[in-house]
Amino acid sequence: MTPYAIALHGGAGVKPGRDYSRAEAQLRRLAGDGAEALKRGVSALDAVETAVRALEAEGLCVAGRGSAPNTAGYVELDASIMDGAAMRAGAVAAVRDVVHPITAARRVMDASGHVLLAGAGAMDFIETQGLARVEDPASYYRIPDGVEPADFDDPKAAAHGTVGAVALDRQGRLAAATSTGGTFGKHAGRVGDTPLIGPGTWADSNVAISATGVGEAFILAGGAGDMAARMRYGGADVNAAADAMLADVARRGGDGGVIAVTRSGEVVFAWNSPGMKRAAAGAAIPVFAAVV
C-alpha cells in the first residue's frame, strides 16, 4: 500500500469544560476530505493549503476569521507553508484583513522570489496577487469556539489557537502549513513562531511539522526545525524529537504542541499543555479527531 496521510491541529492549550465540539467535528471532516484528496493523487502541498484555508474561513480557532484585534485595535495575521520535496517555503507576517493568509504565504513561495514578506510590503504584494480581502472587519471576525471574554485580558490563555496541517502524498512528498491570528492582546507588530520557517513550520524529505503554542518560547527552543534536526543529525525518532523539543519549550516558560507526519506515513501528536485540537486520516489511519 502506498502510504499517504494528513494531520491537522486547531491549537493546543484547550480549557477543560469548554465546548470544542464544532471545531473537533470540523477537524474530523477536513482530515477525511484531505485523505480522500491524497488518495486521488492530490499533492501534499495542495492538501495542506486547502485544509488550512478551510480552518481560516470558519474561524472556529484563533486563525483567519477567528482572530482578535491587537492593542492598536486591528487584526494582524501570520502564516507559512513549506514544500519539503523541493525545500521551498513562503510566509507572511503582520498582514491585515486577508481572508486566506495561507494562500498569501503560498504566493510568496511561488511568485515572489522570497521566503517571508511582512507588514506593508507584504500587503503591497498581496494586492498585486489579487487575493481576497476582508471588506468589513467589524462584522467578519468572530470569537472562536471555547474562548470566553476573560481570555481577551490574558494573552497566554489564547496563545494556543493556531491552526496547521501536515501531509504525505502518494508520491512521497511532505508539506506543512500553519496560520494564526496570534495571541489576544498582543502588541501591534508582534510576530510569533507561526510565520517563521523553522520554529513554526518545517518540512523536508523526512518529516513535516506544524507547531502551536506560546510562540516566543517556540522561537527560542527552535520549534519544528529543532525537531527535524534532532531526527536528521541525532538519529532521534519523531516521538523522542517532539518530546525533547517540547521539554525545551517548557524550560523557556512556554507550552503548546506539534503535529508531524513522516515519510513512512507515521503521524504523531505531542503537546505539553492541557490538550490539543487534532485530527488525522490516511491510507492506514482511520479518520480520527480529539481535543483532550
Protein backbone atom coordinates (compact mmCIF):
# COMPACT_ATOMS: atom_id res chain seq x y z
CA MET A 1 0.00 0.00 0.00
CA THR A 2 1.39 3.41 -0.95
CA PRO A 3 1.40 5.45 2.26
CA TYR A 4 -0.37 8.79 2.44
CA ALA A 5 -1.59 10.71 5.45
CA ILE A 6 -2.75 14.07 6.69
CA ALA A 7 -2.85 15.51 10.21
CA LEU A 8 -4.41 18.77 11.40
CA HIS A 9 -4.43 20.85 14.53
CA GLY A 10 -6.62 23.67 15.76
CA GLY A 11 -4.36 24.72 18.61
CA ALA A 12 -3.04 23.36 21.87
CA GLY A 13 -3.99 24.52 25.35
CA VAL A 14 -7.71 23.73 25.37
CA LYS A 15 -9.61 24.65 28.52
CA PRO A 16 -11.28 21.80 30.45
CA GLY A 17 -15.05 22.04 30.47
CA ARG A 18 -15.37 24.26 27.42
CA ASP A 19 -17.20 23.20 24.28
CA TYR A 20 -14.95 22.50 21.29
CA SER A 21 -17.35 20.09 19.60
CA ARG A 22 -17.79 22.16 16.44
CA ALA A 23 -14.04 22.62 16.00
CA GLU A 24 -13.49 18.90 16.61
CA ALA A 25 -16.15 17.99 14.04
CA GLN A 26 -14.61 20.38 11.51
CA LEU A 27 -11.15 18.86 12.01
CA ARG A 28 -12.58 15.37 11.58
CA ARG A 29 -14.31 16.34 8.35
CA LEU A 30 -11.26 18.09 6.95
CA ALA A 31 -9.00 15.16 7.82
CA GLY A 32 -11.32 12.80 5.96
CA ASP A 33 -11.54 15.15 2.99
CA GLY A 34 -7.78 15.59 2.93
CA ALA A 35 -7.12 11.86 2.99
CA GLU A 36 -9.56 11.32 0.12
CA ALA A 37 -7.80 14.03 -1.89
CA LEU A 38 -4.40 12.48 -1.23
CA LYS A 39 -5.77 9.08 -2.26
CA ARG A 40 -6.82 10.62 -5.59
CA GLY A 41 -3.29 11.91 -6.14
CA VAL A 42 -3.54 15.49 -4.88
CA SER A 43 -0.14 16.81 -3.77
CA ALA A 44 0.75 17.18 -0.11
CA LEU A 45 1.30 20.90 -0.70
CA ASP A 46 -2.18 21.42 -2.13
CA ALA A 47 -3.72 19.28 0.62
CA VAL A 48 -2.25 21.31 3.48
CA GLU A 49 -3.14 24.64 1.87
CA THR A 50 -6.72 23.52 1.26
CA ALA A 51 -7.16 22.29 4.84
CA VAL A 52 -5.75 25.45 6.39
CA ARG A 53 -7.87 27.66 4.11
CA ALA A 54 -10.96 25.90 5.45
CA LEU A 55 -9.81 26.39 9.05
CA GLU A 56 -9.16 30.10 8.38
CA ALA A 57 -12.56 30.58 6.76
CA GLU A 58 -14.76 29.17 9.52
CA GLY A 59 -12.98 30.89 12.40
CA LEU A 60 -13.60 28.17 14.99
CA CYS A 61 -9.95 28.51 16.05
CA VAL A 62 -7.64 31.50 16.52
CA ALA A 63 -6.72 31.96 12.86
CA GLY A 64 -8.25 33.76 9.91
CA ARG A 65 -11.82 34.69 10.80
CA GLY A 66 -11.31 33.63 14.43
CA SER A 67 -8.57 36.21 15.06
CA ALA A 68 -8.82 39.07 17.56
CA PRO A 69 -7.58 42.68 17.41
CA ASN A 70 -4.18 43.67 18.78
CA THR A 71 -3.64 46.52 21.25
CA ALA A 72 -3.98 49.04 18.41
CA GLY A 73 -7.46 47.72 17.61
CA TYR A 74 -6.90 45.84 14.36
CA VAL A 75 -6.23 42.22 13.39
CA GLU A 76 -2.79 41.11 12.20
CA LEU A 77 -2.33 37.66 10.68
CA ASP A 78 0.65 35.33 10.18
CA ALA A 79 1.05 32.18 8.07
CA SER A 80 3.67 29.94 6.48
CA ILE A 81 3.85 26.96 4.15
CA MET A 82 6.71 24.63 3.20
CA ASP A 83 7.23 22.14 0.39
CA GLY A 84 9.59 19.51 1.76
CA ALA A 85 10.22 17.81 -1.57
CA ALA A 86 11.58 20.97 -3.21
CA MET A 87 12.79 22.64 0.03
CA ARG A 88 10.80 25.77 -0.78
CA ALA A 89 8.84 27.91 1.64
CA GLY A 90 6.76 31.06 1.83
CA ALA A 91 5.37 33.14 4.68
CA VAL A 92 3.60 36.36 5.57
CA ALA A 93 3.72 38.21 8.88
CA ALA A 94 1.64 41.02 10.37
CA VAL A 95 -0.71 41.28 7.39
CA ARG A 96 -4.16 42.84 7.76
CA ASP A 97 -7.60 41.68 6.71
CA VAL A 98 -6.58 38.94 4.31
CA VAL A 99 -9.20 36.19 4.02
CA HIS A 100 -6.62 33.44 3.45
CA PRO A 101 -3.17 34.25 4.85
CA ILE A 102 -2.02 30.71 3.99
CA THR A 103 -2.63 31.37 0.29
CA ALA A 104 -0.71 34.63 0.60
CA ALA A 105 2.17 32.60 2.05
CA ARG A 106 1.96 30.17 -0.86
CA ARG A 107 2.06 33.05 -3.35
CA VAL A 108 5.18 34.38 -1.63
CA MET A 109 6.77 30.96 -2.18
CA ASP A 110 5.59 30.59 -5.77
CA ALA A 111 5.75 34.12 -7.14
CA SER A 112 7.93 36.49 -5.10
CA GLY A 113 11.43 35.02 -5.07
CA HIS A 114 11.44 35.49 -1.28
CA VAL A 115 10.55 33.37 1.75
CA LEU A 116 8.98 35.92 4.13
CA LEU A 117 7.17 39.19 3.49
CA ALA A 118 5.86 41.32 6.36
CA GLY A 119 3.74 44.36 7.08
CA ALA A 120 3.12 47.00 4.42
CA GLY A 121 5.38 45.34 1.87
CA ALA A 122 3.50 42.08 2.24
CA MET A 123 0.22 43.92 1.78
CA ASP A 124 1.51 45.53 -1.42
CA PHE A 125 2.43 42.07 -2.72
CA ILE A 126 -0.95 40.63 -1.73
CA GLU A 127 -2.64 43.44 -3.64
CA THR A 128 -0.70 42.58 -6.81
CA GLN A 129 -1.79 38.95 -6.43
CA GLY A 130 -5.47 39.85 -6.29
CA LEU A 131 -6.11 37.82 -3.14
CA ALA A 132 -9.42 38.10 -1.30
CA ARG A 133 -9.58 40.82 1.36
CA VAL A 134 -11.91 41.28 4.31
CA GLU A 135 -14.30 44.06 3.27
CA ASP A 136 -15.92 44.70 6.67
CA PRO A 137 -13.62 43.69 9.55
CA ALA A 138 -16.16 44.69 12.21
CA SER A 139 -18.64 42.07 11.05
CA TYR A 140 -16.23 39.46 9.66
CA TYR A 141 -14.16 38.40 12.66
CA ARG A 142 -15.73 36.19 15.32
CA ILE A 143 -14.87 34.78 18.73
CA PRO A 144 -13.58 31.21 18.29
CA ASP A 145 -15.24 28.25 19.97
CA GLY A 146 -14.10 27.67 23.53
CA VAL A 147 -12.97 31.29 24.03
CA GLU A 148 -14.58 33.40 26.74
CA PRO A 149 -14.48 37.20 27.26
CA ALA A 150 -11.98 36.93 30.12
CA ASP A 151 -9.48 35.34 27.74
CA PHE A 152 -9.07 38.64 25.91
CA ASP A 153 -7.31 40.02 29.00
CA ASP A 154 -4.96 37.04 29.29
CA PRO A 155 -2.66 36.70 26.26
CA LYS A 156 -1.32 33.32 27.39
CA ALA A 157 -4.86 31.96 27.65
CA ALA A 158 -5.34 32.47 23.93
CA ALA A 159 -1.81 31.67 22.76
CA HIS A 160 -2.78 28.24 21.52
CA GLY A 161 -5.37 28.72 18.79
CA THR A 162 -3.04 28.45 15.81
CA VAL A 163 -4.15 26.05 13.05
CA GLY A 164 -1.96 23.80 10.95
CA ALA A 165 -1.74 20.83 8.62
CA VAL A 166 0.95 18.35 7.59
CA ALA A 167 0.69 15.77 4.81
CA LEU A 168 2.44 12.96 2.97
CA ASP A 169 1.22 12.30 -0.56
CA ARG A 170 1.35 9.14 -2.68
CA GLN A 171 4.49 10.40 -4.44
CA GLY A 172 6.29 10.51 -1.07
CA ARG A 173 6.28 14.30 -0.83
CA LEU A 174 5.86 16.05 2.52
CA ALA A 175 4.42 19.51 3.21
CA ALA A 176 3.38 21.62 6.18
CA ALA A 177 1.28 24.76 6.67
CA THR A 178 0.46 26.92 9.71
CA SER A 179 -1.74 30.01 10.21
CA THR A 180 -2.66 32.20 13.19
CA GLY A 181 -4.13 35.44 14.41
CA GLY A 182 -1.61 35.42 17.23
CA THR A 183 -2.21 35.94 20.91
CA PHE A 184 -5.10 38.02 22.21
CA GLY A 185 -3.99 41.42 23.45
CA LYS A 186 -0.72 41.26 21.51
CA HIS A 187 1.23 44.42 20.76
CA ALA A 188 0.83 45.75 17.23
CA GLY A 189 3.56 44.26 15.07
CA ARG A 190 4.14 41.25 17.31
CA VAL A 191 5.22 38.19 15.34
CA GLY A 192 5.35 34.73 16.88
CA ASP A 193 6.69 31.44 15.59
CA THR A 194 3.94 30.70 13.04
CA PRO A 195 5.37 32.59 10.03
CA LEU A 196 8.96 31.61 10.81
CA ILE A 197 10.30 28.73 8.74
CA GLY A 198 11.87 26.51 11.37
CA PRO A 199 10.17 27.39 14.66
CA GLY A 200 6.55 27.28 13.45
CA THR A 201 6.62 25.24 10.26
CA TRP A 202 9.05 22.75 8.74
CA ALA A 203 9.05 20.10 6.00
CA ASP A 204 11.89 18.17 4.37
CA SER A 205 12.30 14.70 2.88
CA ASN A 206 11.92 13.01 6.28
CA VAL A 207 9.18 14.82 8.19
CA ALA A 208 6.62 17.63 8.05
CA ILE A 209 5.78 19.54 11.25
CA SER A 210 3.41 22.31 12.35
CA ALA A 211 3.60 23.89 15.82
CA THR A 212 1.14 25.66 18.08
CA GLY A 213 1.59 27.31 21.45
CA VAL A 214 3.42 30.18 23.11
CA GLY A 215 5.31 31.49 20.09
CA GLU A 216 8.12 33.24 21.94
CA ALA A 217 9.10 30.01 23.70
CA PHE A 218 8.91 28.01 20.46
CA ILE A 219 11.18 30.52 18.73
CA LEU A 220 13.79 30.28 21.49
CA ALA A 221 13.57 26.47 21.56
CA GLY A 222 13.86 26.12 17.78
CA GLY A 223 10.40 24.56 17.43
CA ALA A 224 9.65 22.38 14.42
CA GLY A 225 13.08 22.91 12.90
CA ASP A 226 14.74 21.69 16.08
CA MET A 227 12.61 18.55 15.94
CA ALA A 228 13.65 17.87 12.35
CA ALA A 229 17.32 18.46 13.22
CA ARG A 230 17.16 16.02 16.12
CA MET A 231 15.91 13.43 13.65
CA ARG A 232 18.30 14.30 10.82
CA TYR A 233 21.54 14.78 12.76
CA GLY A 234 20.91 12.97 16.02
CA GLY A 235 19.01 9.94 14.76
CA ALA A 236 16.08 10.55 17.13
CA ASP A 237 12.72 9.09 16.21
CA VAL A 238 9.88 11.54 15.70
CA ASN A 239 8.30 10.93 19.12
CA ALA A 240 11.56 11.45 21.01
CA ALA A 241 12.34 14.54 18.95
CA ALA A 242 8.93 16.05 19.72
CA ASP A 243 9.20 15.33 23.44
CA ALA A 244 12.71 16.80 23.68
CA MET A 245 11.74 19.98 21.85
CA LEU A 246 8.61 20.49 23.95
CA ALA A 247 10.68 19.98 27.10
CA ASP A 248 12.88 22.84 25.91
CA VAL A 249 9.77 24.95 25.28
CA ALA A 250 8.68 24.27 28.86
CA ARG A 251 12.12 25.27 30.20
CA ARG A 252 11.64 28.59 28.45
CA GLY A 253 8.31 29.20 30.15
CA GLY A 254 6.01 28.09 27.34
CA ASP A 255 3.71 25.27 26.38
CA GLY A 256 1.95 24.03 23.27
CA GLY A 257 2.14 21.15 20.84
CA VAL A 258 3.11 19.84 17.42
CA ILE A 259 1.72 17.61 14.71
CA ALA A 260 4.03 15.66 12.42
CA VAL A 261 3.95 13.11 9.63
CA THR A 262 6.99 11.14 8.50
CA ARG A 263 7.96 9.80 5.08
CA SER A 264 6.71 6.37 6.18
CA GLY A 265 3.24 7.76 6.92
CA GLU A 266 3.55 7.76 10.71
CA VAL A 267 1.51 10.52 12.32
CA VAL A 268 2.49 11.97 15.68
CA PHE A 269 0.71 14.37 18.02
CA ALA A 270 2.58 15.75 21.02
CA TRP A 271 1.72 18.50 23.49
CA ASN A 272 2.61 19.67 27.00
CA SER A 273 -0.48 21.84 27.50
CA PRO A 274 -3.93 20.77 28.79
CA GLY A 275 -4.91 19.34 25.40
CA MET A 276 -4.77 19.94 21.66
CA LYS A 277 -7.46 20.03 18.99
CA ARG A 278 -6.27 17.47 16.44
CA ALA A 279 -7.28 15.06 13.69
CA ALA A 280 -5.72 12.67 11.21
CA ALA A 281 -6.53 10.22 8.41
CA GLY A 282 -4.61 8.26 5.83
CA ALA A 283 -4.04 5.01 3.99
CA ALA A 284 -3.53 3.12 7.24
CA ILE A 285 -5.20 5.61 9.59
CA PRO A 286 -8.97 5.67 10.12
CA VAL A 287 -10.38 9.18 10.39
CA PHE A 288 -9.67 10.39 13.93
CA ALA A 289 -10.33 13.59 15.86
CA ALA A 290 -9.95 14.57 19.53
CA VAL A 291 -9.44 17.52 21.83
CA VAL A 292 -8.07 16.16 25.12
